[in-house]
């Protein structure tokens, strides 16, 4: 047995030497590639996995790469899901429309930074429109919930998740093109899959997304939406936290306020909560926001305050039918503000 064993070991050794002689270069290059990705991940951490981070990261990238456009929409996820840039472009005489809206935790300073990313590259713009949800300005924001997204936008850098986390993200992004990202949680996982596919969908839709959530219960078919219900009354008052956030936004916008018309509008709420504790309070809050930002009073855009419940997913996000309806309703209002399209359209 000793002889065959020695022959077998010798053959195995020859095989290993043959493999090493031919594959050492590939192995070395692979090791160097992984080391380079590790270094890249440590020096320039990528966004963590998840739908919110994918949206924010993609809009940061788009704000620094987007070509010239006529109308740029920005703000939180209420506008992200309620406005369709394709509909606006068609209804605004062929003006090109793009969106850089993100999520609420980015806050007004982050929205302003995304506009600056676009304008600081010397890109032309006919108008910038911030679509904000009034609720986000009426309550204190919990920084511990997700302050990383605001920091990422303002600093153009995501926080490190440690060596293992940064390396994993770098390998997934640069080696596997995002294929290893985990499926998105909740309703977004069905139509969008993972963060990679959500990024693609957002980019293809000119920076907007359709919220896939189930619409709120609405009126019975054939009846007037919410006709019998008295809408809940909202106390539209700016919080101290909201004021500080707007003042920070004003400072970031200061260098570009005179270079491009900047408008502010509020996103809709469900009809069942569209009442006001004080008549006209919503409009007064909008005008106060415009004043704090240092904009002329006429830059306050009065858009429809509500949509039928069955066209909303929740108090702040429109469903697909609401997105289509709201976009069609606001287009004529924007057309009056913007005026005729430039010559040649």
C-alpha atoms as a PDB file:
ATOM      1  CA  UNK A   1       0.000   0.000   0.000  1.00  0.00           C
ATOM      2  CA  UNK A   2       2.924   2.295   0.708  1.00  0.00           C
ATOM      3  CA  UNK A   3       3.985   2.360  -2.927  1.00  0.00           C
ATOM      4  CA  UNK A   4       0.576   3.317  -4.352  1.00  0.00           C
ATOM      5  CA  UNK A   5       0.156   5.896  -1.576  1.00  0.00           C
ATOM      6  CA  UNK A   6       3.486   7.515  -2.422  1.00  0.00           C
ATOM      7  CA  UNK A   7       2.588   7.532  -6.103  1.00  0.00           C
ATOM      8  CA  UNK A   8      -0.801   9.091  -5.337  1.00  0.00           C
ATOM      9  CA  UNK A   9       0.731  11.807  -3.158  1.00  0.00           C
ATOM     10  CA  UNK A  10       3.337  12.524  -5.803  1.00  0.00           C
ATOM     11  CA  UNK A  11       0.604  12.832  -8.442  1.00  0.00           C
ATOM     12  CA  UNK A  12      -1.372  15.161  -6.188  1.00  0.00           C
ATOM     13  CA  UNK A  13       1.708  17.279  -5.634  1.00  0.00           C
ATOM     14  CA  UNK A  14       2.286  17.496  -9.353  1.00  0.00           C
ATOM     15  CA  UNK A  15      -1.316  18.535  -9.872  1.00  0.00           C
ATOM     16  CA  UNK A  16      -1.055  21.273  -7.235  1.00  0.00           C
ATOM     17  CA  UNK A  17       2.192  22.566  -8.762  1.00  0.00           C
ATOM     18  CA  UNK A  18       0.547  22.579 -12.184  1.00  0.00           C
ATOM     19  CA  UNK A  19      -2.451  24.528 -10.859  1.00  0.00           C
ATOM     20  CA  UNK A  20      -0.283  27.031  -8.988  1.00  0.00           C
ATOM     21  CA  UNK A  21       1.966  27.530 -12.012  1.00  0.00           C
ATOM     22  CA  UNK A  22      -0.989  28.495 -14.162  1.00  0.00           C
ATOM     23  CA  UNK A  23      -3.362  30.187 -11.744  1.00  0.00           C
ATOM     24  CA  UNK A  24      -1.086  32.114  -9.408  1.00  0.00           C
ATOM     25  CA  UNK A  25      -1.411  35.262 -11.489  1.00  0.00           C
ATOM     26  CA  UNK A  26      -5.211  35.082 -11.470  1.00  0.00           C
ATOM     27  CA  UNK A  27      -5.203  34.448  -7.721  1.00  0.00           C
ATOM     28  CA  UNK A  28      -2.847  37.369  -7.139  1.00  0.00           C
ATOM     29  CA  UNK A  29      -4.955  39.686  -9.298  1.00  0.00           C
ATOM     30  CA  UNK A  30      -8.092  38.572  -7.455  1.00  0.00           C
ATOM     31  CA  UNK A  31      -6.412  39.288  -4.111  1.00  0.00           C
ATOM     32  CA  UNK A  32      -5.300  42.708  -5.327  1.00  0.00           C
ATOM     33  CA  UNK A  33      -8.826  43.455  -6.610  1.00  0.00           C
ATOM     34  CA  UNK A  34     -10.366  42.540  -3.273  1.00  0.00           C
ATOM     35  CA  UNK A  35      -7.744  44.621  -1.460  1.00  0.00           C
ATOM     36  CA  UNK A  36      -8.497  47.585  -3.739  1.00  0.00           C
ATOM     37  CA  UNK A  37     -12.208  47.242  -3.078  1.00  0.00           C
ATOM     38  CA  UNK A  38     -11.531  47.045   0.656  1.00  0.00           C
ATOM     39  CA  UNK A  39      -9.457  50.229   0.477  1.00  0.00           C
ATOM     40  CA  UNK A  40     -12.159  51.919  -1.602  1.00  0.00           C
ATOM     41  CA  UNK A  41     -14.833  50.844   0.851  1.00  0.00           C
ATOM     42  CA  UNK A  42     -12.863  52.173   3.801  1.00  0.00           C
ATOM     43  CA  UNK A  43     -11.938  55.503   2.195  1.00  0.00           C
ATOM     44  CA  UNK A  44     -15.308  56.064   0.518  1.00  0.00           C
ATOM     45  CA  UNK A  45     -18.008  54.049   2.331  1.00  0.00           C
ATOM     46  CA  UNK A  46     -21.104  53.184   0.318  1.00  0.00           C
ATOM     47  CA  UNK A  47     -24.722  53.551   1.370  1.00  0.00           C
ATOM     48  CA  UNK A  48     -26.085  50.821   3.652  1.00  0.00           C
ATOM     49  CA  UNK A  49     -28.630  48.413   2.227  1.00  0.00           C
ATOM     50  CA  UNK A  50     -32.309  49.366   2.281  1.00  0.00           C
ATOM     51  CA  UNK A  51     -34.861  51.239   0.214  1.00  0.00           C
ATOM     52  CA  UNK A  52     -34.527  54.617   1.946  1.00  0.00           C
ATOM     53  CA  UNK A  53     -30.747  54.606   1.620  1.00  0.00           C
ATOM     54  CA  UNK A  54     -30.979  53.527  -2.018  1.00  0.00           C
ATOM     55  CA  UNK A  55     -33.269  56.468  -2.811  1.00  0.00           C
ATOM     56  CA  UNK A  56     -31.057  58.994  -1.029  1.00  0.00           C
ATOM     57  CA  UNK A  57     -27.833  57.654  -2.523  1.00  0.00           C
ATOM     58  CA  UNK A  58     -29.228  57.541  -6.047  1.00  0.00           C
ATOM     59  CA  UNK A  59     -30.500  61.120  -5.793  1.00  0.00           C
ATOM     60  CA  UNK A  60     -27.121  62.296  -4.496  1.00  0.00           C
ATOM     61  CA  UNK A  61     -25.471  60.688  -7.525  1.00  0.00           C
ATOM     62  CA  UNK A  62     -28.093  62.117  -9.879  1.00  0.00           C
ATOM     63  CA  UNK A  63     -27.688  65.613  -8.415  1.00  0.00           C
ATOM     64  CA  UNK A  64     -24.022  65.485  -9.429  1.00  0.00           C
ATOM     65  CA  UNK A  65     -24.535  63.922 -12.858  1.00  0.00           C
ATOM     66  CA  UNK A  66     -27.939  65.105 -14.101  1.00  0.00           C
ATOM     67  CA  UNK A  67     -27.896  66.859 -17.449  1.00  0.00           C
ATOM     68  CA  UNK A  68     -29.561  70.193 -18.143  1.00  0.00           C
ATOM     69  CA  UNK A  69     -33.258  70.338 -17.306  1.00  0.00           C
ATOM     70  CA  UNK A  70     -35.907  73.059 -17.241  1.00  0.00           C
ATOM     71  CA  UNK A  71     -37.794  72.241 -14.037  1.00  0.00           C
ATOM     72  CA  UNK A  72     -36.298  70.525 -11.001  1.00  0.00           C
ATOM     73  CA  UNK A  73     -38.516  69.159  -8.223  1.00  0.00           C
ATOM     74  CA  UNK A  74     -37.075  68.549  -4.764  1.00  0.00           C
ATOM     75  CA  UNK A  75     -38.233  67.771  -1.252  1.00  0.00           C
ATOM     76  CA  UNK A  76     -39.356  64.782   0.793  1.00  0.00           C
ATOM     77  CA  UNK A  77     -41.064  61.514  -0.095  1.00  0.00           C
ATOM     78  CA  UNK A  78     -44.516  63.106  -0.189  1.00  0.00           C
ATOM     79  CA  UNK A  79     -43.532  64.830  -3.430  1.00  0.00           C
ATOM     80  CA  UNK A  80     -41.467  61.848  -4.544  1.00  0.00           C
ATOM     81  CA  UNK A  81     -44.646  59.761  -4.743  1.00  0.00           C
ATOM     82  CA  UNK A  82     -47.234  62.458  -5.561  1.00  0.00           C
ATOM     83  CA  UNK A  83     -45.707  64.089  -8.630  1.00  0.00           C
ATOM     84  CA  UNK A  84     -44.921  62.449 -11.965  1.00  0.00           C
ATOM     85  CA  UNK A  85     -42.262  64.401 -13.910  1.00  0.00           C
ATOM     86  CA  UNK A  86     -43.363  62.741 -17.160  1.00  0.00           C
ATOM     87  CA  UNK A  87     -46.906  64.119 -16.791  1.00  0.00           C
ATOM     88  CA  UNK A  88     -45.585  67.578 -15.915  1.00  0.00           C
ATOM     89  CA  UNK A  89     -43.226  67.592 -18.881  1.00  0.00           C
ATOM     90  CA  UNK A  90     -46.063  66.743 -21.237  1.00  0.00           C
ATOM     91  CA  UNK A  91     -48.448  69.295 -19.726  1.00  0.00           C
ATOM     92  CA  UNK A  92     -45.846  72.073 -19.478  1.00  0.00           C
ATOM     93  CA  UNK A  93     -45.335  72.384 -23.210  1.00  0.00           C
ATOM     94  CA  UNK A  94     -42.503  69.892 -23.444  1.00  0.00           C
ATOM     95  CA  UNK A  95     -40.343  71.380 -20.715  1.00  0.00           C
ATOM     96  CA  UNK A  96     -37.937  68.805 -19.338  1.00  0.00           C
ATOM     97  CA  UNK A  97     -38.734  67.905 -15.720  1.00  0.00           C
ATOM     98  CA  UNK A  98     -36.570  65.973 -13.299  1.00  0.00           C
ATOM     99  CA  UNK A  99     -36.921  65.173  -9.608  1.00  0.00           C
ATOM    100  CA  UNK A 100     -34.347  64.987  -6.801  1.00  0.00           C
ATOM    101  CA  UNK A 101     -36.803  64.430  -3.951  1.00  0.00           C
ATOM    102  CA  UNK A 102     -35.689  62.034  -1.230  1.00  0.00           C
ATOM    103  CA  UNK A 103     -37.123  61.107   2.204  1.00  0.00           C
ATOM    104  CA  UNK A 104     -38.182  63.124   5.248  1.00  0.00           C
ATOM    105  CA  UNK A 105     -35.121  62.412   7.439  1.00  0.00           C
ATOM    106  CA  UNK A 106     -32.917  64.259   4.927  1.00  0.00           C
ATOM    107  CA  UNK A 107     -34.705  67.424   6.063  1.00  0.00           C
ATOM    108  CA  UNK A 108     -34.839  70.844   4.298  1.00  0.00           C
ATOM    109  CA  UNK A 109     -31.072  71.515   4.487  1.00  0.00           C
ATOM    110  CA  UNK A 110     -30.471  68.286   2.574  1.00  0.00           C
ATOM    111  CA  UNK A 111     -33.037  69.177  -0.078  1.00  0.00           C
ATOM    112  CA  UNK A 112     -31.259  72.503  -0.566  1.00  0.00           C
ATOM    113  CA  UNK A 113     -27.889  70.791  -0.815  1.00  0.00           C
ATOM    114  CA  UNK A 114     -29.141  68.586  -3.660  1.00  0.00           C
ATOM    115  CA  UNK A 115     -30.233  71.700  -5.552  1.00  0.00           C
ATOM    116  CA  UNK A 116     -26.819  73.239  -4.962  1.00  0.00           C
ATOM    117  CA  UNK A 117     -25.143  70.064  -6.253  1.00  0.00           C
ATOM    118  CA  UNK A 118     -26.958  70.611  -9.537  1.00  0.00           C
ATOM    119  CA  UNK A 119     -26.539  74.378  -9.798  1.00  0.00           C
ATOM    120  CA  UNK A 120     -22.941  74.504  -8.614  1.00  0.00           C
ATOM    121  CA  UNK A 121     -21.979  72.572 -11.753  1.00  0.00           C
ATOM    122  CA  UNK A 122     -23.164  75.535 -13.815  1.00  0.00           C
ATOM    123  CA  UNK A 123     -26.253  73.736 -15.067  1.00  0.00           C
ATOM    124  CA  UNK A 124     -29.152  75.865 -16.388  1.00  0.00           C
ATOM    125  CA  UNK A 125     -32.569  75.786 -14.741  1.00  0.00           C
ATOM    126  CA  UNK A 126     -35.837  77.594 -15.410  1.00  0.00           C
ATOM    127  CA  UNK A 127     -37.331  76.874 -11.967  1.00  0.00           C
ATOM    128  CA  UNK A 128     -36.733  74.819  -8.823  1.00  0.00           C
ATOM    129  CA  UNK A 129     -39.824  73.658  -6.934  1.00  0.00           C
ATOM    130  CA  UNK A 130     -39.614  72.297  -3.393  1.00  0.00           C
ATOM    131  CA  UNK A 131     -42.616  70.088  -2.590  1.00  0.00           C
ATOM    132  CA  UNK A 132     -42.700  69.586   1.178  1.00  0.00           C
ATOM    133  CA  UNK A 133     -45.152  67.942   3.496  1.00  0.00           C
ATOM    134  CA  UNK A 134     -46.387  70.399   6.137  1.00  0.00           C
ATOM    135  CA  UNK A 135     -46.497  67.670   8.810  1.00  0.00           C
ATOM    136  CA  UNK A 136     -42.700  67.345   8.629  1.00  0.00           C
ATOM    137  CA  UNK A 137     -42.356  71.002   9.647  1.00  0.00           C
ATOM    138  CA  UNK A 138     -44.898  70.852  12.439  1.00  0.00           C
ATOM    139  CA  UNK A 139     -43.168  68.335  14.721  1.00  0.00           C
ATOM    140  CA  UNK A 140     -39.713  67.922  16.229  1.00  0.00           C
ATOM    141  CA  UNK A 141     -37.484  65.537  14.333  1.00  0.00           C
ATOM    142  CA  UNK A 142     -35.857  62.631  16.147  1.00  0.00           C
ATOM    143  CA  UNK A 143     -32.196  62.706  15.090  1.00  0.00           C
ATOM    144  CA  UNK A 144     -31.626  59.268  16.606  1.00  0.00           C
ATOM    145  CA  UNK A 145     -34.094  57.717  14.139  1.00  0.00           C
ATOM    146  CA  UNK A 146     -31.966  58.248  11.039  1.00  0.00           C
ATOM    147  CA  UNK A 147     -29.721  61.273  11.132  1.00  0.00           C
ATOM    148  CA  UNK A 148     -27.209  59.533   8.843  1.00  0.00           C
ATOM    149  CA  UNK A 149     -29.099  60.410   5.662  1.00  0.00           C
ATOM    150  CA  UNK A 150     -28.940  64.165   6.292  1.00  0.00           C
ATOM    151  CA  UNK A 151     -25.233  63.909   7.123  1.00  0.00           C
ATOM    152  CA  UNK A 152     -24.626  61.861   3.971  1.00  0.00           C
ATOM    153  CA  UNK A 153     -26.233  64.510   1.768  1.00  0.00           C
ATOM    154  CA  UNK A 154     -24.560  67.492   3.440  1.00  0.00           C
ATOM    155  CA  UNK A 155     -21.120  65.872   3.609  1.00  0.00           C
ATOM    156  CA  UNK A 156     -21.406  63.845   0.378  1.00  0.00           C
ATOM    157  CA  UNK A 157     -20.183  60.825   2.313  1.00  0.00           C
ATOM    158  CA  UNK A 158     -21.875  57.891   4.013  1.00  0.00           C
ATOM    159  CA  UNK A 159     -20.723  56.902   7.513  1.00  0.00           C
ATOM    160  CA  UNK A 160     -18.555  53.799   7.791  1.00  0.00           C
ATOM    161  CA  UNK A 161     -20.142  50.509   8.843  1.00  0.00           C
ATOM    162  CA  UNK A 162     -16.793  49.058   9.885  1.00  0.00           C
ATOM    163  CA  UNK A 163     -14.306  47.074   7.834  1.00  0.00           C
ATOM    164  CA  UNK A 164     -16.545  44.062   7.227  1.00  0.00           C
ATOM    165  CA  UNK A 165     -19.623  46.129   6.375  1.00  0.00           C
ATOM    166  CA  UNK A 166     -17.756  48.526   4.098  1.00  0.00           C
ATOM    167  CA  UNK A 167     -16.001  45.653   2.300  1.00  0.00           C
ATOM    168  CA  UNK A 168     -19.275  43.803   1.835  1.00  0.00           C
ATOM    169  CA  UNK A 169     -20.935  46.859   0.297  1.00  0.00           C
ATOM    170  CA  UNK A 170     -17.915  47.545  -1.936  1.00  0.00           C
ATOM    171  CA  UNK A 171     -17.772  43.957  -3.201  1.00  0.00           C
ATOM    172  CA  UNK A 172     -21.504  43.961  -3.853  1.00  0.00           C
ATOM    173  CA  UNK A 173     -21.502  47.291  -5.695  1.00  0.00           C
ATOM    174  CA  UNK A 174     -18.288  47.009  -7.721  1.00  0.00           C
ATOM    175  CA  UNK A 175     -17.920  43.256  -8.214  1.00  0.00           C
ATOM    176  CA  UNK A 176     -21.507  42.011  -8.310  1.00  0.00           C
ATOM    177  CA  UNK A 177     -23.273  45.206  -9.530  1.00  0.00           C
ATOM    178  CA  UNK A 178     -25.689  45.158  -6.583  1.00  0.00           C
ATOM    179  CA  UNK A 179     -26.999  41.640  -7.198  1.00  0.00           C
ATOM    180  CA  UNK A 180     -26.280  40.607  -3.605  1.00  0.00           C
ATOM    181  CA  UNK A 181     -28.450  43.284  -2.016  1.00  0.00           C
ATOM    182  CA  UNK A 182     -31.162  41.988   0.269  1.00  0.00           C
ATOM    183  CA  UNK A 183     -34.818  42.180  -0.859  1.00  0.00           C
ATOM    184  CA  UNK A 184     -36.597  45.354   0.213  1.00  0.00           C
ATOM    185  CA  UNK A 185     -38.906  45.056   3.186  1.00  0.00           C
ATOM    186  CA  UNK A 186     -42.642  45.615   3.018  1.00  0.00           C
ATOM    187  CA  UNK A 187     -44.666  46.548  -0.035  1.00  0.00           C
ATOM    188  CA  UNK A 188     -41.669  47.993  -1.903  1.00  0.00           C
ATOM    189  CA  UNK A 189     -40.107  44.539  -2.201  1.00  0.00           C
ATOM    190  CA  UNK A 190     -42.775  43.271  -4.613  1.00  0.00           C
ATOM    191  CA  UNK A 191     -42.403  45.710  -7.534  1.00  0.00           C
ATOM    192  CA  UNK A 192     -38.841  46.869  -6.891  1.00  0.00           C
ATOM    193  CA  UNK A 193     -37.044  43.782  -5.584  1.00  0.00           C
ATOM    194  CA  UNK A 194     -33.907  45.180  -3.981  1.00  0.00           C
ATOM    195  CA  UNK A 195     -32.092  48.482  -3.771  1.00  0.00           C
ATOM    196  CA  UNK A 196     -30.391  47.945  -7.127  1.00  0.00           C
ATOM    197  CA  UNK A 197     -33.723  47.635  -8.918  1.00  0.00           C
ATOM    198  CA  UNK A 198     -35.240  50.525  -6.969  1.00  0.00           C
ATOM    199  CA  UNK A 199     -32.367  52.746  -8.103  1.00  0.00           C
ATOM    200  CA  UNK A 200     -32.969  51.733 -11.688  1.00  0.00           C
ATOM    201  CA  UNK A 201     -36.704  52.382 -11.452  1.00  0.00           C
ATOM    202  CA  UNK A 202     -36.134  55.784  -9.856  1.00  0.00           C
ATOM    203  CA  UNK A 203     -33.675  56.836 -12.552  1.00  0.00           C
ATOM    204  CA  UNK A 204     -35.933  55.638 -15.375  1.00  0.00           C
ATOM    205  CA  UNK A 205     -38.856  57.611 -13.880  1.00  0.00           C
ATOM    206  CA  UNK A 206     -36.823  60.852 -13.894  1.00  0.00           C
ATOM    207  CA  UNK A 207     -36.261  60.701 -10.142  1.00  0.00           C
ATOM    208  CA  UNK A 208     -39.738  59.748  -8.902  1.00  0.00           C
ATOM    209  CA  UNK A 209     -41.265  56.487  -7.678  1.00  0.00           C
ATOM    210  CA  UNK A 210     -44.739  55.000  -7.519  1.00  0.00           C
ATOM    211  CA  UNK A 211     -45.652  54.026  -3.964  1.00  0.00           C
ATOM    212  CA  UNK A 212     -46.821  50.390  -4.091  1.00  0.00           C
ATOM    213  CA  UNK A 213     -48.697  50.502  -0.783  1.00  0.00           C
ATOM    214  CA  UNK A 214     -52.369  49.656  -0.439  1.00  0.00           C
ATOM    215  CA  UNK A 215     -54.637  52.736  -0.747  1.00  0.00           C
ATOM    216  CA  UNK A 216     -56.596  53.932   2.262  1.00  0.00           C
ATOM    217  CA  UNK A 217     -60.262  52.913   2.520  1.00  0.00           C
ATOM    218  CA  UNK A 218     -62.316  55.419   0.571  1.00  0.00           C
ATOM    219  CA  UNK A 219     -65.846  56.148  -0.419  1.00  0.00           C
ATOM    220  CA  UNK A 220     -68.129  53.454  -1.768  1.00  0.00           C
ATOM    221  CA  UNK A 221     -68.110  53.141  -5.573  1.00  0.00           C
ATOM    222  CA  UNK A 222     -70.458  55.632  -7.193  1.00  0.00           C
ATOM    223  CA  UNK A 223     -70.592  57.993  -4.211  1.00  0.00           C
ATOM    224  CA  UNK A 224     -68.871  61.299  -3.602  1.00  0.00           C
ATOM    225  CA  UNK A 225     -65.465  60.727  -1.929  1.00  0.00           C
ATOM    226  CA  UNK A 226     -65.796  61.284   1.803  1.00  0.00           C
ATOM    227  CA  UNK A 227     -68.926  63.357   1.265  1.00  0.00           C
ATOM    228  CA  UNK A 228     -70.583  62.353   4.523  1.00  0.00           C
ATOM    229  CA  UNK A 229     -67.538  62.627   6.729  1.00  0.00           C
ATOM    230  CA  UNK A 230     -66.424  65.846   8.391  1.00  0.00           C
ATOM    231  CA  UNK A 231     -62.639  66.055   7.860  1.00  0.00           C
ATOM    232  CA  UNK A 232     -60.422  66.088  10.913  1.00  0.00           C
ATOM    233  CA  UNK A 233     -59.021  69.538  11.724  1.00  0.00           C
ATOM    234  CA  UNK A 234     -55.239  69.965  11.638  1.00  0.00           C
ATOM    235  CA  UNK A 235     -53.399  72.579  13.661  1.00  0.00           C
ATOM    236  CA  UNK A 236     -50.964  73.969  11.079  1.00  0.00           C
ATOM    237  CA  UNK A 237     -48.196  75.485  13.200  1.00  0.00           C
ATOM    238  CA  UNK A 238     -44.463  75.549  12.526  1.00  0.00           C
ATOM    239  CA  UNK A 239     -42.417  73.834  15.251  1.00  0.00           C
ATOM    240  CA  UNK A 240     -39.179  75.282  16.610  1.00  0.00           C
ATOM    241  CA  UNK A 241     -37.321  72.350  15.076  1.00  0.00           C
ATOM    242  CA  UNK A 242     -38.958  73.020  11.715  1.00  0.00           C
ATOM    243  CA  UNK A 243     -37.993  76.694  11.902  1.00  0.00           C
ATOM    244  CA  UNK A 244     -34.338  75.876  12.633  1.00  0.00           C
ATOM    245  CA  UNK A 245     -34.289  73.417   9.754  1.00  0.00           C
ATOM    246  CA  UNK A 246     -35.707  76.019   7.364  1.00  0.00           C
ATOM    247  CA  UNK A 247     -33.190  78.617   8.548  1.00  0.00           C
ATOM    248  CA  UNK A 248     -30.383  76.150   7.782  1.00  0.00           C
ATOM    249  CA  UNK A 249     -31.960  75.566   4.368  1.00  0.00           C
ATOM    250  CA  UNK A 250     -32.050  79.343   3.794  1.00  0.00           C
ATOM    251  CA  UNK A 251     -28.330  79.601   4.462  1.00  0.00           C
ATOM    252  CA  UNK A 252     -27.518  76.833   1.992  1.00  0.00           C
ATOM    253  CA  UNK A 253     -29.720  78.420  -0.676  1.00  0.00           C
ATOM    254  CA  UNK A 254     -28.308  81.926  -0.136  1.00  0.00           C
ATOM    255  CA  UNK A 255     -25.706  81.788  -2.958  1.00  0.00           C
ATOM    256  CA  UNK A 256     -28.286  80.712  -5.571  1.00  0.00           C
ATOM    257  CA  UNK A 257     -31.490  82.498  -4.487  1.00  0.00           C
ATOM    258  CA  UNK A 258     -31.004  85.273  -7.038  1.00  0.00           C
ATOM    259  CA  UNK A 259     -29.846  82.997  -9.840  1.00  0.00           C
ATOM    260  CA  UNK A 260     -32.908  80.813 -10.331  1.00  0.00           C
ATOM    261  CA  UNK A 261     -36.597  81.135  -9.378  1.00  0.00           C
ATOM    262  CA  UNK A 262     -37.239  78.936  -6.324  1.00  0.00           C
ATOM    263  CA  UNK A 263     -40.812  77.980  -5.431  1.00  0.00           C
ATOM    264  CA  UNK A 264     -42.262  76.138  -2.430  1.00  0.00           C
ATOM    265  CA  UNK A 265     -45.432  74.047  -2.329  1.00  0.00           C
ATOM    266  CA  UNK A 266     -47.103  71.655   0.095  1.00  0.00           C
ATOM    267  CA  UNK A 267     -47.975  68.043  -0.745  1.00  0.00           C
ATOM    268  CA  UNK A 268     -51.561  66.824  -0.311  1.00  0.00           C
ATOM    269  CA  UNK A 269     -53.159  65.057   2.650  1.00  0.00           C
ATOM    270  CA  UNK A 270     -56.098  62.606   2.602  1.00  0.00           C
ATOM    271  CA  UNK A 271     -59.474  64.339   2.351  1.00  0.00           C
ATOM    272  CA  UNK A 272     -60.553  62.833   5.670  1.00  0.00           C
ATOM    273  CA  UNK A 273     -57.979  64.957   7.536  1.00  0.00           C
ATOM    274  CA  UNK A 274     -58.003  68.022   5.308  1.00  0.00           C
ATOM    275  CA  UNK A 275     -59.721  70.313   7.808  1.00  0.00           C
ATOM    276  CA  UNK A 276     -58.019  73.218   9.566  1.00  0.00           C
ATOM    277  CA  UNK A 277     -58.377  74.281  13.204  1.00  0.00           C
ATOM    278  CA  UNK A 278     -58.040  77.851  12.011  1.00  0.00           C
ATOM    279  CA  UNK A 279     -59.313  78.768   8.556  1.00  0.00           C
ATOM    280  CA  UNK A 280     -56.445  79.543   6.191  1.00  0.00           C
ATOM    281  CA  UNK A 281     -53.776  78.137   8.535  1.00  0.00           C
ATOM    282  CA  UNK A 282     -52.245  75.882   5.889  1.00  0.00           C
ATOM    283  CA  UNK A 283     -51.772  78.796   3.484  1.00  0.00           C
ATOM    284  CA  UNK A 284     -50.325  80.963   6.249  1.00  0.00           C
ATOM    285  CA  UNK A 285     -47.838  78.216   7.120  1.00  0.00           C
ATOM    286  CA  UNK A 286     -46.759  78.012   3.470  1.00  0.00           C
ATOM    287  CA  UNK A 287     -46.237  81.762   3.324  1.00  0.00           C
ATOM    288  CA  UNK A 288     -44.250  81.624   6.566  1.00  0.00           C
ATOM    289  CA  UNK A 289     -41.976  78.951   5.098  1.00  0.00           C
ATOM    290  CA  UNK A 290     -41.377  81.106   2.015  1.00  0.00           C
ATOM    291  CA  UNK A 291     -40.622  84.128   4.195  1.00  0.00           C
ATOM    292  CA  UNK A 292     -38.120  82.224   6.364  1.00  0.00           C
ATOM    293  CA  UNK A 293     -36.336  81.031   3.223  1.00  0.00           C
ATOM    294  CA  UNK A 294     -35.946  84.638   2.113  1.00  0.00           C
ATOM    295  CA  UNK A 295     -38.058  84.181  -1.021  1.00  0.00           C
ATOM    296  CA  UNK A 296     -40.592  86.646  -2.466  1.00  0.00           C
ATOM    297  CA  UNK A 297     -44.219  86.009  -1.383  1.00  0.00           C
ATOM    298  CA  UNK A 298     -45.232  85.024  -4.910  1.00  0.00           C
ATOM    299  CA  UNK A 299     -42.947  81.989  -4.700  1.00  0.00           C
ATOM    300  CA  UNK A 300     -45.538  80.249  -2.504  1.00  0.00           C
ATOM    301  CA  UNK A 301     -47.382  77.794  -4.765  1.00  0.00           C
ATOM    302  CA  UNK A 302     -50.905  76.998  -3.619  1.00  0.00           C
ATOM    303  CA  UNK A 303     -51.478  73.434  -4.851  1.00  0.00           C
ATOM    304  CA  UNK A 304     -54.539  71.252  -4.081  1.00  0.00           C
ATOM    305  CA  UNK A 305     -54.507  70.560  -0.355  1.00  0.00           C
ATOM    306  CA  UNK A 306     -55.976  67.065  -0.459  1.00  0.00           C
ATOM    307  CA  UNK A 307     -56.708  63.943  -2.442  1.00  0.00           C
ATOM    308  CA  UNK A 308     -59.524  61.437  -1.861  1.00  0.00           C
ATOM    309  CA  UNK A 309     -58.550  58.877   0.763  1.00  0.00           C
ATOM    310  CA  UNK A 310     -58.657  56.098  -1.808  1.00  0.00           C
ATOM    311  CA  UNK A 311     -55.873  57.889  -3.732  1.00  0.00           C
ATOM    312  CA  UNK A 312     -53.544  57.986  -0.707  1.00  0.00           C
ATOM    313  CA  UNK A 313     -51.472  55.248   0.937  1.00  0.00           C
ATOM    314  CA  UNK A 314     -51.180  57.056   4.271  1.00  0.00           C
ATOM    315  CA  UNK A 315     -51.402  60.656   5.553  1.00  0.00           C
ATOM    316  CA  UNK A 316     -48.273  61.685   3.650  1.00  0.00           C
ATOM    317  CA  UNK A 317     -47.930  59.513   0.535  1.00  0.00           C
ATOM    318  CA  UNK A 318     -50.034  59.283  -2.602  1.00  0.00           C
ATOM    319  CA  UNK A 319     -50.940  55.966  -4.193  1.00  0.00           C
ATOM    320  CA  UNK A 320     -50.506  55.428  -7.928  1.00  0.00           C
ATOM    321  CA  UNK A 321     -53.972  56.846  -8.811  1.00  0.00           C
ATOM    322  CA  UNK A 322     -53.300  59.854  -6.572  1.00  0.00           C
ATOM    323  CA  UNK A 323     -49.959  60.449  -8.252  1.00  0.00           C
ATOM    324  CA  UNK A 324     -51.606  60.573 -11.660  1.00  0.00           C
ATOM    325  CA  UNK A 325     -54.485  62.768 -10.455  1.00  0.00           C
ATOM    326  CA  UNK A 326     -52.328  65.210  -8.485  1.00  0.00           C
ATOM    327  CA  UNK A 327     -49.812  65.620 -11.329  1.00  0.00           C
ATOM    328  CA  UNK A 328     -52.583  66.401 -13.791  1.00  0.00           C
ATOM    329  CA  UNK A 329     -54.207  68.877 -11.382  1.00  0.00           C
ATOM    330  CA  UNK A 330     -51.056  70.857 -10.598  1.00  0.00           C
ATOM    331  CA  UNK A 331     -49.749  71.088 -14.164  1.00  0.00           C
ATOM    332  CA  UNK A 332     -52.029  74.023 -15.178  1.00  0.00           C
ATOM    333  CA  UNK A 333     -51.119  75.843 -11.948  1.00  0.00           C
ATOM    334  CA  UNK A 334     -47.427  75.471 -12.684  1.00  0.00           C
ATOM    335  CA  UNK A 335     -47.986  76.495 -16.291  1.00  0.00           C
ATOM    336  CA  UNK A 336     -49.474  79.810 -15.154  1.00  0.00           C
ATOM    337  CA  UNK A 337     -46.523  80.441 -12.851  1.00  0.00           C
ATOM    338  CA  UNK A 338     -43.838  79.484 -15.359  1.00  0.00           C
ATOM    339  CA  UNK A 339     -45.460  81.161 -18.336  1.00  0.00           C
ATOM    340  CA  UNK A 340     -45.094  80.078 -21.984  1.00  0.00           C
ATOM    341  CA  UNK A 341     -42.350  77.568 -22.799  1.00  0.00           C
ATOM    342  CA  UNK A 342     -39.091  78.989 -24.161  1.00  0.00           C
ATOM    343  CA  UNK A 343     -38.987  79.605 -27.903  1.00  0.00           C
ATOM    344  CA  UNK A 344     -38.203  76.567 -29.966  1.00  0.00           C
ATOM    345  CA  UNK A 345     -40.249  74.141 -27.881  1.00  0.00           C
END
